[in-house]
Amino acid sequence: MQTPTRETNPLAVISLICGLLSWFVLPIVGSIGAIVSGHMARAQIGREPTRYEGDGMAIAGLVLGWASVIVGLLTLLVVVLFFGGLAAVFAFAANQ
C-alpha cells in the first residue's frame, strides 16, 4: 500500500520568503506579503490536511512578518518621542 504524498503549500513558502525579505530588503511590502500569505496558507492547510504540508513555514512567515511590523512601529514611536522631547527641550530653553 502506497501512502499518499503531501505537497508543500506554495503560499507557506511565499510567506516564509516574504517574512525574510521583510527584515532585509522590503520591510513594508515583505511584512504584508508574509502576513497575508501566511494566513491564507494556514487556512488551506487546515482545509486540506491530507494534501498540504508546510504549516511550520507558514507560522514562521507569520512570526517574521508580525515581528517586523511590531519592530517598525516601536521604532517609529521611539523616533517620534525622541524628536518630540527634543523639540520640547528647545522650546523650554527658548522661553527661559
PDB file of N, CA and C in Angstrom:
ATOM      1  N   MET A   1       0.842  -1.178   0.000  1.00  0.00           N
ATOM      2  CA  MET A   1       0.000   0.000   0.000  1.00  0.00           C
ATOM      3  C   MET A   1       0.890   1.245   0.000  1.00  0.00           C
ATOM      4  N   GLN A   2       0.577   2.123  -0.869  1.00  0.00           N
ATOM      5  CA  GLN A   2       1.388   3.336  -1.004  1.00  0.00           C
ATOM      6  C   GLN A   2       0.722   4.474  -0.249  1.00  0.00           C
ATOM      7  N   THR A   3       1.513   5.177   0.568  1.00  0.00           N
ATOM      8  CA  THR A   3       0.973   6.319   1.296  1.00  0.00           C
ATOM      9  C   THR A   3       0.932   7.527   0.378  1.00  0.00           C
ATOM     10  N   PRO A   4      -0.123   8.296   0.456  1.00  0.00           N
ATOM     11  CA  PRO A   4      -0.199   9.475  -0.411  1.00  0.00           C
ATOM     12  C   PRO A   4       0.837  10.523   0.000  1.00  0.00           C
ATOM     13  N   THR A   5       1.466  11.097  -0.972  1.00  0.00           N
ATOM     14  CA  THR A   5       2.460  12.131  -0.680  1.00  0.00           C
ATOM     15  C   THR A   5       1.754  13.472  -0.557  1.00  0.00           C
ATOM     16  N   ARG A   6       2.206  14.228   0.411  1.00  0.00           N
ATOM     17  CA  ARG A   6       1.653  15.567   0.617  1.00  0.00           C
ATOM     18  C   ARG A   6       2.619  16.568   0.006  1.00  0.00           C
ATOM     19  N   GLU A   7       2.077  17.572  -0.605  1.00  0.00           N
ATOM     20  CA  GLU A   7       2.918  18.615  -1.190  1.00  0.00           C
ATOM     21  C   GLU A   7       2.985  19.815  -0.260  1.00  0.00           C
ATOM     22  N   THR A   8       4.088  20.513  -0.339  1.00  0.00           N
ATOM     23  CA  THR A   8       4.255  21.731   0.460  1.00  0.00           C
ATOM     24  C   THR A   8       3.400  22.832  -0.149  1.00  0.00           C
ATOM     25  N   ASN A   9       2.664  23.496   0.705  1.00  0.00           N
ATOM     26  CA  ASN A   9       1.793  24.572   0.242  1.00  0.00           C
ATOM     27  C   ASN A   9       2.643  25.720  -0.295  1.00  0.00           C
ATOM     28  N   PRO A  10       2.390  26.143  -1.544  1.00  0.00           N
ATOM     29  CA  PRO A  10       3.203  27.235  -2.112  1.00  0.00           C
ATOM     30  C   PRO A  10       3.062  28.554  -1.349  1.00  0.00           C
ATOM     31  N   LEU A  11       1.891  28.804  -0.787  1.00  0.00           N
ATOM     32  CA  LEU A  11       1.715  30.044  -0.028  1.00  0.00           C
ATOM     33  C   LEU A  11       2.534  30.037   1.264  1.00  0.00           C
ATOM     34  N   ALA A  12       2.771  28.864   1.818  1.00  0.00           N
ATOM     35  CA  ALA A  12       3.626  28.782   3.003  1.00  0.00           C
ATOM     36  C   ALA A  12       5.061  29.155   2.652  1.00  0.00           C
ATOM     37  N   VAL A  13       5.521  28.707   1.499  1.00  0.00           N
ATOM     38  CA  VAL A  13       6.874  29.056   1.055  1.00  0.00           C
ATOM     39  C   VAL A  13       6.960  30.559   0.789  1.00  0.00           C
ATOM     40  N   ILE A  14       5.940  31.101   0.130  1.00  0.00           N
ATOM     41  CA  ILE A  14       5.911  32.544  -0.154  1.00  0.00           C
ATOM     42  C   ILE A  14       5.899  33.331   1.153  1.00  0.00           C
ATOM     43  N   SER A  15       5.138  32.870   2.138  1.00  0.00           N
ATOM     44  CA  SER A  15       5.081  33.557   3.425  1.00  0.00           C
ATOM     45  C   SER A  15       6.449  33.591   4.093  1.00  0.00           C
ATOM     46  N   LEU A  16       7.149  32.464   4.062  1.00  0.00           N
ATOM     47  CA  LEU A  16       8.477  32.418   4.672  1.00  0.00           C
ATOM     48  C   LEU A  16       9.457  33.324   3.930  1.00  0.00           C
ATOM     49  N   ILE A  17       9.417  33.320   2.620  1.00  0.00           N
ATOM     50  CA  ILE A  17      10.319  34.168   1.832  1.00  0.00           C
ATOM     51  C   ILE A  17      10.013  35.641   2.080  1.00  0.00           C
ATOM     52  N   CYS A  18       8.739  35.999   2.079  1.00  0.00           N
ATOM     53  CA  CYS A  18       8.366  37.402   2.337  1.00  0.00           C
ATOM     54  C   CYS A  18       8.731  37.813   3.759  1.00  0.00           C
ATOM     55  N   GLY A  19       8.594  36.893   4.708  1.00  0.00           N
ATOM     56  CA  GLY A  19       8.981  37.201   6.082  1.00  0.00           C
ATOM     57  C   GLY A  19      10.464  37.492   6.195  1.00  0.00           C
ATOM     58  N   LEU A  20      11.275  36.721   5.489  1.00  0.00           N
ATOM     59  CA  LEU A  20      12.714  37.002   5.489  1.00  0.00           C
ATOM     60  C   LEU A  20      13.024  38.305   4.766  1.00  0.00           C
ATOM     61  N   LEU A  21      12.336  38.553   3.655  1.00  0.00           N
ATOM     62  CA  LEU A  21      12.557  39.802   2.920  1.00  0.00           C
ATOM     63  C   LEU A  21      12.149  41.022   3.739  1.00  0.00           C
ATOM     64  N   SER A  22      11.159  40.840   4.616  1.00  0.00           N
ATOM     65  CA  SER A  22      10.703  41.987   5.415  1.00  0.00           C
ATOM     66  C   SER A  22      11.776  42.454   6.381  1.00  0.00           C
ATOM     67  N   TRP A  23      12.730  41.609   6.716  1.00  0.00           N
ATOM     68  CA  TRP A  23      13.798  42.001   7.621  1.00  0.00           C
ATOM     69  C   TRP A  23      15.011  42.551   6.901  1.00  0.00           C
ATOM     70  N   PHE A  24      15.203  42.187   5.639  1.00  0.00           N
ATOM     71  CA  PHE A  24      16.445  42.544   4.970  1.00  0.00           C
ATOM     72  C   PHE A  24      16.286  43.480   3.788  1.00  0.00           C
ATOM     73  N   VAL A  25      15.196  43.380   3.031  1.00  0.00           N
ATOM     74  CA  VAL A  25      15.112  44.129   1.782  1.00  0.00           C
ATOM     75  C   VAL A  25      13.882  45.025   1.720  1.00  0.00           C
ATOM     76  N   LEU A  26      12.702  44.460   1.887  1.00  0.00           N
ATOM     77  CA  LEU A  26      11.440  45.184   1.705  1.00  0.00           C
ATOM     78  C   LEU A  26      10.615  45.157   2.985  1.00  0.00           C
ATOM     79  N   PRO A  27      10.832  46.083   3.899  1.00  0.00           N
ATOM     80  CA  PRO A  27      10.169  45.979   5.199  1.00  0.00           C
ATOM     81  C   PRO A  27       8.642  46.026   5.141  1.00  0.00           C
ATOM     82  N   ILE A  28       8.077  46.938   4.412  1.00  0.00           N
ATOM     83  CA  ILE A  28       6.624  47.090   4.420  1.00  0.00           C
ATOM     84  C   ILE A  28       5.962  46.050   3.523  1.00  0.00           C
ATOM     85  N   VAL A  29       6.406  45.957   2.290  1.00  0.00           N
ATOM     86  CA  VAL A  29       5.812  45.025   1.332  1.00  0.00           C
ATOM     87  C   VAL A  29       6.038  43.583   1.787  1.00  0.00           C
ATOM     88  N   GLY A  30       7.225  43.289   2.282  1.00  0.00           N
ATOM     89  CA  GLY A  30       7.527  41.934   2.726  1.00  0.00           C
ATOM     90  C   GLY A  30       6.684  41.499   3.901  1.00  0.00           C
ATOM     91  N   SER A  31       6.501  42.382   4.869  1.00  0.00           N
ATOM     92  CA  SER A  31       5.711  42.000   6.042  1.00  0.00           C
ATOM     93  C   SER A  31       4.240  41.822   5.693  1.00  0.00           C
ATOM     94  N   ILE A  32       3.708  42.666   4.830  1.00  0.00           N
ATOM     95  CA  ILE A  32       2.314  42.500   4.400  1.00  0.00           C
ATOM     96  C   ILE A  32       2.150  41.195   3.631  1.00  0.00           C
ATOM     97  N   GLY A  33       3.078  40.914   2.731  1.00  0.00           N
ATOM     98  CA  GLY A  33       3.018  39.671   1.969  1.00  0.00           C
ATOM     99  C   GLY A  33       3.136  38.446   2.856  1.00  0.00           C
ATOM    100  N   ALA A  34       4.007  38.510   3.861  1.00  0.00           N
ATOM    101  CA  ALA A  34       4.188  37.380   4.774  1.00  0.00           C
ATOM    102  C   ALA A  34       2.935  37.130   5.601  1.00  0.00           C
ATOM    103  N   ILE A  35       2.326  38.193   6.074  1.00  0.00           N
ATOM    104  CA  ILE A  35       1.147  38.049   6.924  1.00  0.00           C
ATOM    105  C   ILE A  35      -0.043  37.524   6.121  1.00  0.00           C
ATOM    106  N   VAL A  36      -0.285  38.116   4.971  1.00  0.00           N
ATOM    107  CA  VAL A  36      -1.432  37.702   4.163  1.00  0.00           C
ATOM    108  C   VAL A  36      -1.267  36.275   3.654  1.00  0.00           C
ATOM    109  N   SER A  37      -0.118  35.977   3.064  1.00  0.00           N
ATOM    110  CA  SER A  37       0.070  34.632   2.513  1.00  0.00           C
ATOM    111  C   SER A  37       0.177  33.582   3.623  1.00  0.00           C
ATOM    112  N   GLY A  38       0.689  33.954   4.787  1.00  0.00           N
ATOM    113  CA  GLY A  38       0.757  33.016   5.910  1.00  0.00           C
ATOM    114  C   GLY A  38      -0.616  32.609   6.401  1.00  0.00           C
ATOM    115  N   HIS A  39      -1.507  33.589   6.527  1.00  0.00           N
ATOM    116  CA  HIS A  39      -2.876  33.267   6.944  1.00  0.00           C
ATOM    117  C   HIS A  39      -3.602  32.444   5.883  1.00  0.00           C
ATOM    118  N   MET A  40      -3.394  32.784   4.626  1.00  0.00           N
ATOM    119  CA  MET A  40      -4.023  32.020   3.551  1.00  0.00           C
ATOM    120  C   MET A  40      -3.490  30.590   3.507  1.00  0.00           C
ATOM    121  N   ALA A  41      -2.191  30.415   3.707  1.00  0.00           N
ATOM    122  CA  ALA A  41      -1.593  29.079   3.693  1.00  0.00           C
ATOM    123  C   ALA A  41      -2.120  28.238   4.846  1.00  0.00           C
ATOM    124  N   ARG A  42      -2.194  28.813   6.031  1.00  0.00           N
ATOM    125  CA  ARG A  42      -2.702  28.050   7.171  1.00  0.00           C
ATOM    126  C   ARG A  42      -4.156  27.657   6.969  1.00  0.00           C
ATOM    127  N   ALA A  43      -4.942  28.517   6.341  1.00  0.00           N
ATOM    128  CA  ALA A  43      -6.334  28.168   6.064  1.00  0.00           C
ATOM    129  C   ALA A  43      -6.417  27.010   5.066  1.00  0.00           C
ATOM    130  N   GLN A  44      -5.612  27.060   4.018  1.00  0.00           N
ATOM    131  CA  GLN A  44      -5.612  25.975   3.036  1.00  0.00           C
ATOM    132  C   GLN A  44      -5.137  24.666   3.653  1.00  0.00           C
ATOM    133  N   ILE A  45      -4.094  24.729   4.469  1.00  0.00           N
ATOM    134  CA  ILE A  45      -3.577  23.525   5.113  1.00  0.00           C
ATOM    135  C   ILE A  45      -4.620  22.958   6.080  1.00  0.00           C
ATOM    136  N   GLY A  46      -5.340  23.815   6.762  1.00  0.00           N
ATOM    137  CA  GLY A  46      -6.384  23.359   7.674  1.00  0.00           C
ATOM    138  C   GLY A  46      -7.560  22.730   6.946  1.00  0.00           C
ATOM    139  N   ARG A  47      -7.897  23.245   5.764  1.00  0.00           N
ATOM    140  CA  ARG A  47      -8.998  22.689   4.985  1.00  0.00           C
ATOM    141  C   ARG A  47      -8.638  21.354   4.343  1.00  0.00           C
ATOM    142  N   GLU A  48      -7.383  21.217   3.911  1.00  0.00           N
ATOM    143  CA  GLU A  48      -6.940  20.001   3.229  1.00  0.00           C
ATOM    144  C   GLU A  48      -5.656  19.448   3.858  1.00  0.00           C
ATOM    145  N   PRO A  49      -5.736  18.911   5.069  1.00  0.00           N
ATOM    146  CA  PRO A  49      -4.514  18.442   5.740  1.00  0.00           C
ATOM    147  C   PRO A  49      -3.898  17.198   5.092  1.00  0.00           C
ATOM    148  N   THR A  50      -4.696  16.442   4.336  1.00  0.00           N
ATOM    149  CA  THR A  50      -4.135  15.259   3.674  1.00  0.00           C
ATOM    150  C   THR A  50      -3.395  15.625   2.392  1.00  0.00           C
ATOM    151  N   ARG A  51      -3.625  16.817   1.880  1.00  0.00           N
ATOM    152  CA  ARG A  51      -2.994  17.230   0.633  1.00  0.00           C
ATOM    153  C   ARG A  51      -1.767  18.113   0.860  1.00  0.00           C
ATOM    154  N   TYR A  52      -1.861  19.034   1.842  1.00  0.00           N
ATOM    155  CA  TYR A  52      -0.806  20.033   2.023  1.00  0.00           C
ATOM    156  C   TYR A  52      -0.052  19.839   3.328  1.00  0.00           C
ATOM    157  N   GLU A  53       1.205  20.206   3.297  1.00  0.00           N
ATOM    158  CA  GLU A  53       2.022  20.355   4.494  1.00  0.00           C
ATOM    159  C   GLU A  53       2.709  21.707   4.409  1.00  0.00           C
ATOM    160  N   GLY A  54       3.437  22.079   5.439  1.00  0.00           N
ATOM    161  CA  GLY A  54       4.129  23.364   5.438  1.00  0.00           C
ATOM    162  C   GLY A  54       3.574  24.339   6.446  1.00  0.00           C
ATOM    163  N   ASP A  55       2.849  23.817   7.441  1.00  0.00           N
ATOM    164  CA  ASP A  55       2.281  24.704   8.457  1.00  0.00           C
ATOM    165  C   ASP A  55       3.376  25.423   9.234  1.00  0.00           C
ATOM    166  N   GLY A  56       4.496  24.752   9.460  1.00  0.00           N
ATOM    167  CA  GLY A  56       5.611  25.387  10.170  1.00  0.00           C
ATOM    168  C   GLY A  56       6.190  26.562   9.401  1.00  0.00           C
ATOM    169  N   MET A  57       6.283  26.410   8.078  1.00  0.00           N
ATOM    170  CA  MET A  57       6.790  27.526   7.262  1.00  0.00           C
ATOM    171  C   MET A  57       5.818  28.694   7.279  1.00  0.00           C
ATOM    172  N   ALA A  58       4.520  28.389   7.249  1.00  0.00           N
ATOM    173  CA  ALA A  58       3.521  29.457   7.298  1.00  0.00           C
ATOM    174  C   ALA A  58       3.582  30.197   8.628  1.00  0.00           C
ATOM    175  N   ILE A  59       3.738  29.453   9.713  1.00  0.00           N
ATOM    176  CA  ILE A  59       3.842  30.087  11.035  1.00  0.00           C
ATOM    177  C   ILE A  59       5.115  30.919  11.132  1.00  0.00           C
ATOM    178  N   ALA A  60       6.223  30.395  10.598  1.00  0.00           N
ATOM    179  CA  ALA A  60       7.479  31.159  10.627  1.00  0.00           C
ATOM    180  C   ALA A  60       7.337  32.459   9.830  1.00  0.00           C
ATOM    181  N   GLY A  61       6.683  32.403   8.678  1.00  0.00           N
ATOM    182  CA  GLY A  61       6.450  33.612   7.897  1.00  0.00           C
ATOM    183  C   GLY A  61       5.577  34.604   8.633  1.00  0.00           C
ATOM    184  N   LEU A  62       4.539  34.092   9.303  1.00  0.00           N
ATOM    185  CA  LEU A  62       3.671  34.974  10.091  1.00  0.00           C
ATOM    186  C   LEU A  62       4.435  35.641  11.233  1.00  0.00           C
ATOM    187  N   VAL A  63       5.240  34.866  11.932  1.00  0.00           N
ATOM    188  CA  VAL A  63       6.008  35.420  13.051  1.00  0.00           C
ATOM    189  C   VAL A  63       6.984  36.478  12.552  1.00  0.00           C
ATOM    190  N   LEU A  64       7.686  36.180  11.469  1.00  0.00           N
ATOM    191  CA  LEU A  64       8.632  37.161  10.922  1.00  0.00           C
ATOM    192  C   LEU A  64       7.913  38.423  10.439  1.00  0.00           C
ATOM    193  N   GLY A  65       6.765  38.253   9.785  1.00  0.00           N
ATOM    194  CA  GLY A  65       6.013  39.415   9.294  1.00  0.00           C
ATOM    195  C   GLY A  65       5.493  40.283  10.418  1.00  0.00           C
ATOM    196  N   TRP A  66       4.850  39.645  11.419  1.00  0.00           N
ATOM    197  CA  TRP A  66       4.318  40.422  12.534  1.00  0.00           C
ATOM    198  C   TRP A  66       5.429  41.041  13.373  1.00  0.00           C
ATOM    199  N   ALA A  67       6.531  40.327  13.544  1.00  0.00           N
ATOM    200  CA  ALA A  67       7.654  40.888  14.301  1.00  0.00           C
ATOM    201  C   ALA A  67       8.224  42.110  13.588  1.00  0.00           C
ATOM    202  N   SER A  68       8.287  42.058  12.270  1.00  0.00           N
ATOM    203  CA  SER A  68       8.771  43.207  11.501  1.00  0.00           C
ATOM    204  C   SER A  68       7.843  44.405  11.667  1.00  0.00           C
ATOM    205  N   VAL A  69       6.535  44.160  11.666  1.00  0.00           N
ATOM    206  CA  VAL A  69       5.571  45.248  11.867  1.00  0.00           C
ATOM    207  C   VAL A  69       5.727  45.849  13.271  1.00  0.00           C
ATOM    208  N   ILE A  70       5.849  45.005  14.274  1.00  0.00           N
ATOM    209  CA  ILE A  70       5.962  45.485  15.656  1.00  0.00           C
ATOM    210  C   ILE A  70       7.254  46.277  15.856  1.00  0.00           C
ATOM    211  N   VAL A  71       8.358  45.759  15.334  1.00  0.00           N
ATOM    212  CA  VAL A  71       9.635  46.479  15.460  1.00  0.00           C
ATOM    213  C   VAL A  71       9.566  47.816  14.720  1.00  0.00           C
ATOM    214  N   GLY A  72       8.943  47.836  13.563  1.00  0.00           N
ATOM    215  CA  GLY A  72       8.805  49.088  12.813  1.00  0.00           C
ATOM    216  C   GLY A  72       7.972  50.114  13.569  1.00  0.00           C
ATOM    217  N   LEU A  73       6.865  49.665  14.175  1.00  0.00           N
ATOM    218  CA  LEU A  73       6.023  50.592  14.936  1.00  0.00           C
ATOM    219  C   LEU A  73       6.734  51.094  16.195  1.00  0.00           C
ATOM    220  N   LEU A  74       7.451  50.213  16.874  1.00  0.00           N
ATOM    221  CA  LEU A  74       8.206  50.654  18.055  1.00  0.00           C
ATOM    222  C   LEU A  74       9.312  51.630  17.681  1.00  0.00           C
ATOM    223  N   THR A  75       9.956  51.385  16.549  1.00  0.00           N
ATOM    224  CA  THR A  75      10.990  52.314  16.074  1.00  0.00           C
ATOM    225  C   THR A  75      10.383  53.676  15.763  1.00  0.00           C
ATOM    226  N   LEU A  76       9.242  53.676  15.117  1.00  0.00           N
ATOM    227  CA  LEU A  76       8.558  54.934  14.818  1.00  0.00           C
ATOM    228  C   LEU A  76       8.172  55.666  16.097  1.00  0.00           C
ATOM    229  N   LEU A  77       7.696  54.929  17.085  1.00  0.00           N
ATOM    230  CA  LEU A  77       7.322  55.541  18.359  1.00  0.00           C
ATOM    231  C   LEU A  77       8.534  56.159  19.054  1.00  0.00           C
ATOM    232  N   VAL A  78       9.653  55.450  19.046  1.00  0.00           N
ATOM    233  CA  VAL A  78      10.868  55.973  19.678  1.00  0.00           C
ATOM    234  C   VAL A  78      11.341  57.233  18.961  1.00  0.00           C
ATOM    235  N   VAL A  79      11.312  57.236  17.640  1.00  0.00           N
ATOM    236  CA  VAL A  79      11.749  58.415  16.879  1.00  0.00           C
ATOM    237  C   VAL A  79      10.846  59.605  17.162  1.00  0.00           C
ATOM    238  N   VAL A  80       9.535  59.377  17.180  1.00  0.00           N
ATOM    239  CA  VAL A  80       8.596  60.477  17.446  1.00  0.00           C
ATOM    240  C   VAL A  80       8.790  61.010  18.860  1.00  0.00           C
ATOM    241  N   LEU A  81       8.930  60.116  19.833  1.00  0.00           N
ATOM    242  CA  LEU A  81       9.135  60.573  21.206  1.00  0.00           C
ATOM    243  C   LEU A  81      10.462  61.298  21.373  1.00  0.00           C
ATOM    244  N   PHE A  82      11.500  60.817  20.701  1.00  0.00           N
ATOM    245  CA  PHE A  82      12.805  61.468  20.808  1.00  0.00           C
ATOM    246  C   PHE A  82      12.755  62.880  20.241  1.00  0.00           C
ATOM    247  N   PHE A  83      12.259  62.999  19.003  1.00  0.00           N
ATOM    248  CA  PHE A  83      12.230  64.333  18.405  1.00  0.00           C
ATOM    249  C   PHE A  83      11.187  65.232  19.049  1.00  0.00           C
ATOM    250  N   GLY A  84      10.088  64.663  19.559  1.00  0.00           N
ATOM    251  CA  GLY A  84       9.120  65.459  20.309  1.00  0.00           C
ATOM    252  C   GLY A  84       9.715  65.975  21.595  1.00  0.00           C
ATOM    253  N   GLY A  85      10.467  65.117  22.289  1.00  0.00           N
ATOM    254  CA  GLY A  85      11.137  65.550  23.512  1.00  0.00           C
ATOM    255  C   GLY A  85      12.212  66.580  23.233  1.00  0.00           C
ATOM    256  N   LEU A  86      12.929  66.395  22.143  1.00  0.00           N
ATOM    257  CA  LEU A  86      13.956  67.342  21.749  1.00  0.00           C
ATOM    258  C   LEU A  86      13.332  68.710  21.435  1.00  0.00           C
ATOM    259  N   ALA A  87      12.204  68.707  20.732  1.00  0.00           N
ATOM    260  CA  ALA A  87      11.516  69.967  20.419  1.00  0.00           C
ATOM    261  C   ALA A  87      11.011  70.633  21.696  1.00  0.00           C
ATOM    262  N   ALA A  88      10.528  69.828  22.642  1.00  0.00           N
ATOM    263  CA  ALA A  88      10.051  70.391  23.903  1.00  0.00           C
ATOM    264  C   ALA A  88      11.195  71.009  24.700  1.00  0.00           C
ATOM    265  N   VAL A  89      12.356  70.368  24.684  1.00  0.00           N
ATOM    266  CA  VAL A  89      13.518  70.912  25.399  1.00  0.00           C
ATOM    267  C   VAL A  89      13.951  72.226  24.769  1.00  0.00           C
ATOM    268  N   PHE A  90      14.005  72.265  23.447  1.00  0.00           N
ATOM    269  CA  PHE A  90      14.389  73.520  22.768  1.00  0.00           C
ATOM    270  C   PHE A  90      13.360  74.623  22.990  1.00  0.00           C
ATOM    271  N   ALA A  91      12.083  74.272  23.001  1.00  0.00           N
ATOM    272  CA  ALA A  91      11.056  75.277  23.260  1.00  0.00           C
ATOM    273  C   ALA A  91      11.151  75.791  24.687  1.00  0.00           C
ATOM    274  N   PHE A  92      11.420  74.911  25.613  1.00  0.00           N
ATOM    275  CA  PHE A  92      11.575  75.323  27.004  1.00  0.00           C
ATOM    276  C   PHE A  92      12.799  76.207  27.175  1.00  0.00           C
ATOM    277  N   ALA A  93      13.905  75.848  26.503  1.00  0.00           N
ATOM    278  CA  ALA A  93      15.143  76.626  26.601  1.00  0.00           C
ATOM    279  C   ALA A  93      14.973  77.996  25.955  1.00  0.00           C
ATOM    280  N   ALA A  94      14.177  78.070  24.898  1.00  0.00           N
ATOM    281  CA  ALA A  94      13.969  79.348  24.218  1.00  0.00           C
ATOM    282  C   ALA A  94      13.151  80.314  25.068  1.00  0.00           C
ATOM    283  N   ASN A  95      12.272  79.777  25.927  1.00  0.00           N
ATOM    284  CA  ASN A  95      11.439  80.607  26.769  1.00  0.00           C
ATOM    285  C   ASN A  95      12.142  81.052  28.039  1.00  0.00           C
ATOM    286  N   GLN A  96      13.275  80.491  28.364  1.00  0.00           N
ATOM    287  CA  GLN A  96      13.996  80.842  29.596  1.00  0.00           C
ATOM    288  C   GLN A  96      14.870  82.023  29.410  1.00  0.00           C
TER     289      GLN A  96
END
